Protein backbone atom coordinates (compact mmCIF):
# COMPACT_ATOMS: atom_id res chain seq x y z
CA MET A 1 -0.26 0.24 -0.19
CA SER A 2 1.45 3.43 -1.31
CA LEU A 3 0.94 6.34 1.58
CA PRO A 4 0.12 9.23 0.36
CA SER A 5 3.16 11.88 0.98
CA THR A 6 1.17 15.15 0.40
CA ASP A 7 -1.16 16.57 2.85
CA THR A 8 -4.75 17.08 0.68
CA ILE A 9 -5.54 19.61 -1.02
CA VAL A 10 -8.64 21.46 0.49
CA THR A 11 -11.01 23.67 -1.49
CA PHE A 12 -13.94 24.11 1.50
CA PRO A 13 -11.99 26.58 2.35
CA ASP A 14 -13.69 29.52 -0.71
CA ALA A 15 -16.52 27.69 -0.17
CA GLU A 16 -17.56 25.38 -2.74
CA THR A 17 -19.40 22.35 -2.33
CA ALA A 18 -18.52 20.06 -5.65
CA SER A 19 -14.78 18.54 -6.12
CA THR A 20 -13.63 16.10 -8.53
CA GLY A 21 -10.43 14.33 -7.68
CA THR A 22 -8.60 11.17 -7.80
CA VAL A 23 -8.01 8.02 -6.04
CA LEU A 24 -4.92 7.74 -3.94
CA LEU A 25 -5.54 5.23 -1.22
CA VAL A 26 -8.47 3.23 0.34
CA SER A 27 -8.12 1.20 3.34
CA ALA A 28 -10.32 -0.79 4.88
CA LEU A 29 -11.15 -0.54 8.24
CA ALA A 30 -11.73 -2.81 11.27
CA ASP A 31 -15.68 -2.16 10.90
CA GLY A 32 -16.05 -3.39 7.51
CA ARG A 33 -16.22 0.21 6.28
CA SER A 34 -13.12 1.68 4.37
CA ALA A 35 -10.75 5.18 3.42
CA VAL A 36 -10.50 6.69 0.57
CA VAL A 37 -8.09 9.57 0.42
CA LEU A 38 -8.36 11.53 -2.54
CA ASP A 39 -5.65 13.84 -3.53
CA ARG A 40 -7.75 16.91 -4.04
CA THR A 41 -11.33 17.45 -2.28
CA ALA A 42 -14.56 19.83 -1.47
CA PHE A 43 -15.32 18.02 2.27
CA HIS A 44 -14.96 19.31 5.50
CA PRO A 45 -13.49 16.12 7.37
CA ILE A 46 -13.97 16.30 11.50
CA ASP A 47 -10.40 16.97 13.13
CA PRO A 48 -10.42 14.53 16.32
CA VAL A 49 -7.74 17.41 18.21
CA TRP A 50 -10.79 19.46 18.67
CA PRO A 51 -13.77 18.04 17.31
CA ASP A 52 -15.55 21.54 17.23
CA GLN A 53 -17.84 21.58 13.78
CA PRO A 54 -19.48 18.32 12.06
CA ALA A 55 -18.22 16.56 8.97
CA ASP A 56 -20.30 17.68 5.62
CA ARG A 57 -22.52 15.34 4.22
CA GLY A 58 -22.77 14.25 0.37
CA THR A 59 -21.53 11.67 -2.14
CA LEU A 60 -18.71 10.38 -3.81
CA THR A 61 -18.86 8.87 -7.10
CA VAL A 62 -16.22 6.71 -9.17
CA ASP A 63 -17.62 5.71 -12.08
CA GLY A 64 -21.20 6.08 -12.16
CA ALA A 65 -21.76 4.37 -9.27
CA SER A 66 -23.13 7.02 -6.16
CA GLN A 67 -22.97 6.35 -3.04
CA PRO A 68 -22.85 8.37 0.56
CA ILE A 69 -19.84 9.10 2.35
CA VAL A 70 -21.46 8.28 5.85
CA ASP A 71 -18.34 10.18 7.83
CA ALA A 72 -14.93 12.32 6.83
CA VAL A 73 -11.91 12.25 9.13
CA VAL A 74 -8.42 13.43 9.20
CA GLY A 75 -6.11 11.61 8.67
CA GLY A 76 -2.28 11.62 9.19
CA THR A 77 0.08 9.57 8.25
CA ASP A 78 4.32 9.06 9.45
CA GLY A 79 5.22 7.62 6.26
CA GLU A 80 4.85 3.77 7.98
CA VAL A 81 0.84 4.03 9.02
CA LEU A 82 -2.31 5.67 7.60
CA TYR A 83 -3.99 6.63 10.92
CA VAL A 84 -7.59 7.16 10.53
CA GLY A 85 -8.87 10.17 13.14
CA ASP A 86 -6.16 8.59 15.68
CA ALA A 87 -3.01 10.01 14.92
CA PRO A 88 -0.58 10.47 17.37
CA VAL A 89 0.17 14.16 16.88
CA ARG A 90 -1.82 17.02 16.06
CA THR A 91 -2.49 18.11 12.79
CA GLY A 92 0.58 20.09 11.05
CA THR A 93 3.34 17.62 13.07
CA GLU A 94 5.88 18.31 10.96
CA GLY A 95 7.57 14.87 9.29
CA TRP A 96 3.24 14.18 9.15
CA THR A 97 1.11 14.24 6.02
CA PHE A 98 -2.39 14.56 6.91
CA VAL A 99 -5.50 13.72 4.23
CA VAL A 100 -8.78 13.80 4.28
CA CYS A 101 -10.53 10.27 5.17
CA HIS A 102 -13.74 9.77 3.67
CA ILE A 103 -15.41 6.92 4.58
CA VAL A 104 -17.87 4.79 3.04
CA ASP A 105 -19.64 1.62 3.40
CA ASP A 106 -18.41 -0.44 -0.25
CA ALA A 107 -15.09 0.63 -1.90
CA GLY A 108 -15.34 -2.65 -3.78
CA GLY A 109 -14.56 -1.37 -7.75
CA ILE A 110 -12.78 1.92 -5.72
CA GLU A 111 -9.33 1.28 -7.12
CA PRO A 112 -6.29 3.83 -6.96
CA GLY A 113 -5.64 5.68 -9.86
CA ALA A 114 -9.77 5.94 -10.27
CA SER A 115 -11.06 9.68 -11.27
CA ALA A 116 -13.65 10.50 -7.89
CA SER A 117 -16.60 13.94 -7.78
CA VAL A 118 -17.32 14.43 -4.20
CA ALA A 119 -20.61 16.67 -3.96
CA VAL A 120 -21.21 18.29 -0.23
CA ASP A 121 -25.15 18.55 0.46
CA PRO A 122 -25.61 22.80 0.36
CA ALA A 123 -28.14 23.81 2.49
CA TYR A 124 -26.36 21.05 5.74
CA ARG A 125 -23.58 23.37 4.70
CA ALA A 126 -24.06 26.59 4.70
CA ALA A 127 -26.05 26.32 8.53
CA LEU A 128 -22.91 25.04 9.29
CA SER A 129 -21.43 27.60 8.13
CA ALA A 130 -23.74 29.68 9.95
CA GLY A 131 -23.27 28.56 13.65
CA HIS A 132 -19.04 29.04 13.14
CA THR A 133 -18.78 31.95 12.19
CA ALA A 134 -22.03 32.86 14.60
CA CYS A 135 -19.17 30.84 17.09
CA HIS A 136 -16.76 33.03 16.38
CA LEU A 137 -18.65 36.56 16.87
CA ALA A 138 -19.82 35.50 20.07
CA SER A 139 -16.89 34.28 21.89
CA LEU A 140 -15.90 38.03 21.08
CA ALA A 141 -19.20 39.67 22.38
CA LEU A 142 -18.44 37.43 25.81
CA ASN A 143 -15.23 38.48 26.29
CA GLU A 144 -16.08 42.11 26.02
CA ALA A 145 -19.05 41.66 28.31
CA LEU A 146 -16.79 40.05 30.85
CA SER A 147 -13.94 42.73 30.10
CA GLY A 148 -14.59 44.70 33.39
CA LEU A 149 -14.60 41.50 35.00
CA TRP A 150 -11.07 41.57 34.99
CA THR A 151 -8.27 42.52 37.83
CA LYS A 152 -4.54 41.18 36.18
CA GLU A 153 -3.50 41.41 32.90
CA VAL A 154 -4.13 38.14 30.67
CA PRO A 155 -3.69 37.55 27.22
CA VAL A 156 -6.15 39.44 25.00
CA ASP A 157 -8.55 38.16 21.78
CA GLY A 158 -8.50 40.51 18.35
CA ARG A 159 -10.11 42.89 19.83
CA GLY A 160 -7.67 43.29 22.46
CA ARG A 161 -10.09 42.56 24.97
CA PRO A 162 -9.01 39.59 27.47
CA ASN A 163 -9.42 36.22 25.98
CA PHE A 164 -11.47 34.43 28.39
CA ASP A 165 -12.68 32.26 25.55
CA GLN A 166 -9.16 31.33 24.89
CA LEU A 167 -8.32 31.07 28.84
CA ALA A 168 -11.74 29.07 29.46
CA ILE A 169 -13.28 26.94 27.12
CA THR A 170 -13.00 23.08 27.30
CA SER A 171 -15.24 21.44 24.73
CA SER A 172 -17.06 23.61 21.89
CA ARG A 173 -20.01 22.08 19.46
CA ILE A 174 -20.46 23.65 16.34
CA LEU A 175 -24.65 23.12 15.01
CA GLU A 176 -26.39 23.90 12.05
CA ASN A 177 -27.60 28.22 12.94
CA GLY A 178 -26.06 27.39 16.10
CA SER A 179 -23.35 26.41 18.81
CA ILE A 180 -22.68 24.53 22.10
CA ASP A 181 -19.93 26.71 24.31
CA GLU A 182 -18.38 25.11 27.96
CA TYR A 183 -16.25 26.97 30.00
CA ARG A 184 -15.01 26.35 33.70
CA ILE A 185 -13.77 28.39 36.66
CA GLY A 186 -11.50 26.96 38.40
CA LYS A 187 -9.06 28.23 40.94
CA SER A 188 -6.15 28.98 38.03
CA LEU A 189 -8.35 31.59 36.75
CA ARG A 190 -9.42 33.14 39.37
CA LYS A 191 -5.87 33.54 40.81
CA LYS A 192 -5.78 34.83 36.74
CA GLY A 193 -7.57 37.45 38.02
CA LEU A 194 -11.61 36.92 37.26
CA ALA A 195 -13.73 38.28 39.66
CA ALA A 196 -16.05 35.05 39.44
CA ALA A 197 -17.91 36.11 42.38
CA GLU A 198 -19.05 39.15 40.07
CA LEU A 199 -19.95 37.18 37.01
CA ARG A 200 -22.59 35.23 39.71
CA VAL A 201 -24.68 38.05 40.59
CA ARG A 202 -23.65 40.28 36.85
CA LEU A 203 -25.02 36.99 34.58
CA ASP A 204 -27.46 38.79 32.97
CA ASP A 205 -26.18 42.05 32.56
CA ILE A 206 -23.52 40.03 30.70
CA GLU A 207 -25.74 38.46 28.60
CA ASN A 208 -27.90 41.36 27.16
CA GLU A 209 -23.96 42.97 26.53
CA ALA A 210 -23.02 39.96 24.46
CA ASN A 211 -26.60 40.18 22.50
CA SER A 212 -26.30 44.26 22.05
CA ARG A 213 -23.10 44.19 20.57
CA LEU A 214 -24.21 40.92 18.41
CA ALA A 215 -26.60 43.11 17.25
CA GLU A 216 -24.77 45.81 16.58
CA TRP A 217 -22.30 43.93 14.42
CA VAL A 218 -25.22 42.18 12.72
CA ALA A 219 -25.90 44.98 11.69
CA THR A 220 -22.94 45.65 9.54
CA GLY A 221 -23.58 43.17 7.44
CA ALA A 222 -19.76 42.45 7.56
CA ALA A 223 -17.27 41.15 5.42
CA VAL A 224 -16.37 37.72 6.28
CA SER A 225 -13.23 35.52 4.79
CA ILE A 226 -10.40 32.93 5.33
CA LEU A 227 -7.18 33.30 5.32
CA ARG A 228 -5.19 30.30 4.27
CA ASP A 229 -1.00 30.09 3.87
CA GLY A 230 -2.14 27.05 0.75
CA ASP A 231 -4.08 24.66 -0.13
CA GLY A 232 -3.12 21.71 2.48
CA LEU A 233 -5.18 20.37 4.82
CA SER A 234 -2.99 21.43 7.71
CA GLU A 235 -1.83 24.73 6.66
CA ARG A 236 -3.27 27.37 8.87
CA ARG A 237 -6.02 29.26 8.03
CA SER A 238 -7.84 31.59 10.02
CA TRP A 239 -11.33 33.95 10.20
CA ARG A 240 -11.10 37.13 9.17
CA CYS A 241 -14.27 39.75 9.89
CA GLU A 242 -14.55 43.37 9.31
CA LEU A 243 -15.85 44.36 12.08
CA PRO A 244 -16.44 47.94 12.55
CA ASP A 245 -14.12 49.08 15.15
CA GLY A 246 -11.29 46.77 12.89
CA ALA A 247 -11.09 43.43 11.28
CA VAL A 248 -10.05 40.04 14.23
CA GLU A 249 -8.63 36.95 13.15
CA ILE A 250 -9.48 33.82 14.83
CA PRO A 251 -7.33 30.48 13.51
CA CYS A 252 -9.81 28.62 12.55
CA GLY A 253 -10.16 24.99 10.78
CA GLY A 254 -13.86 25.73 9.62
CA THR A 255 -15.86 26.70 7.44
CA HIS A 256 -18.26 31.00 7.17
CA VAL A 257 -20.66 32.42 5.64
CA HIS A 258 -19.41 35.21 3.54
CA ALA A 259 -20.62 38.43 5.35
CA LEU A 260 -22.99 38.94 8.34
CA THR A 261 -25.37 39.63 5.89
CA ASP A 262 -26.15 35.79 5.95
CA PHE A 263 -28.00 36.70 9.12
CA SER A 264 -30.95 38.33 10.28
CA ALA A 265 -29.79 38.18 14.37
CA VAL A 266 -27.54 36.44 16.35
CA ARG A 267 -27.89 36.09 20.66
CA VAL A 268 -26.70 33.83 23.07
CA ALA A 269 -28.54 32.63 26.49
CA LEU A 270 -25.80 31.96 29.32
CA GLU A 271 -25.72 29.42 32.04
CA LEU A 272 -23.54 28.74 34.78
CA ARG A 273 -23.46 25.87 37.53
CA GLU A 274 -21.21 24.46 40.51
CA ALA A 275 -19.57 21.47 40.12
CA ASP A 276 -16.31 20.28 41.86
CA GLY A 277 -15.48 23.18 43.18
CA ALA A 278 -16.08 25.01 40.31
CA LEU A 279 -17.97 27.16 38.41
CA GLU A 280 -19.34 25.67 34.90
CA LEU A 281 -20.40 28.53 32.23
CA THR A 282 -22.19 27.38 28.74
CA MET A 283 -23.34 29.79 26.29
CA ARG A 284 -25.94 29.20 24.12
CA THR A 285 -25.34 30.70 19.94
CA GLU A 286 -28.21 30.96 17.56
CA ALA A 287 -28.27 32.43 14.28
CA SER A 288 -31.40 33.05 12.56
CA PRO A 289 -30.69 33.82 9.37
CA SER A 290 -31.78 36.32 6.71
């Protein structure tokens, strides 16, 4: 079995939902399914290291025969073994090659060298893209709403506000037209200067302030784009939004809308609870299409 020596070329950062590539590898999986690796794809896979955005939905067509792509994951190879979704290193690690593994139930008849077409469900992609852009906006709005609760200097976000999102986040899930982000506020964050007691008292005000800022941003219809160092799967990519007080960038490997004109509104709801001697904050974000 000849393993790929270069990253998969990905076109989903350009919002493409269809592509044609060459089959490089077909790898049988333990559960009876197969991973099909192409040299080029529009299909967005899930990255097990930070699995916030689900994989696209769609079909793979080879020699006129189409079948569903039941999953897609980032695969990694050190030149000896292909790890499908369970590479022991982070995506982008030097000396490794990273590929999109299209998981299908039946790879019979699919051979390396064949031409393969990928078609992505455009409605599902659009809903996830809206959810991901809204998630980034919400994180920035939350950072700003919490900025008055810090008593010490900490790393800041792209707008110069204390980066609570980066410091406290434990998980993020991108949904269709929304997201759920989980944060933990324990001893270490308190030592960094976050007035956790104030958060309890001011939670409703913080939520209202974040929603007010989100409404202002959506009203501008600001442009959104993806910046990237190259076309390979593991190349660094960033989300960029032209907000009224300046452009802001956030490292991100997901898909996004082209402008905030795609939204009629973006709103968050905050929930706070105690767990194991710490506070856990949940932010639920909902994006209403325009």
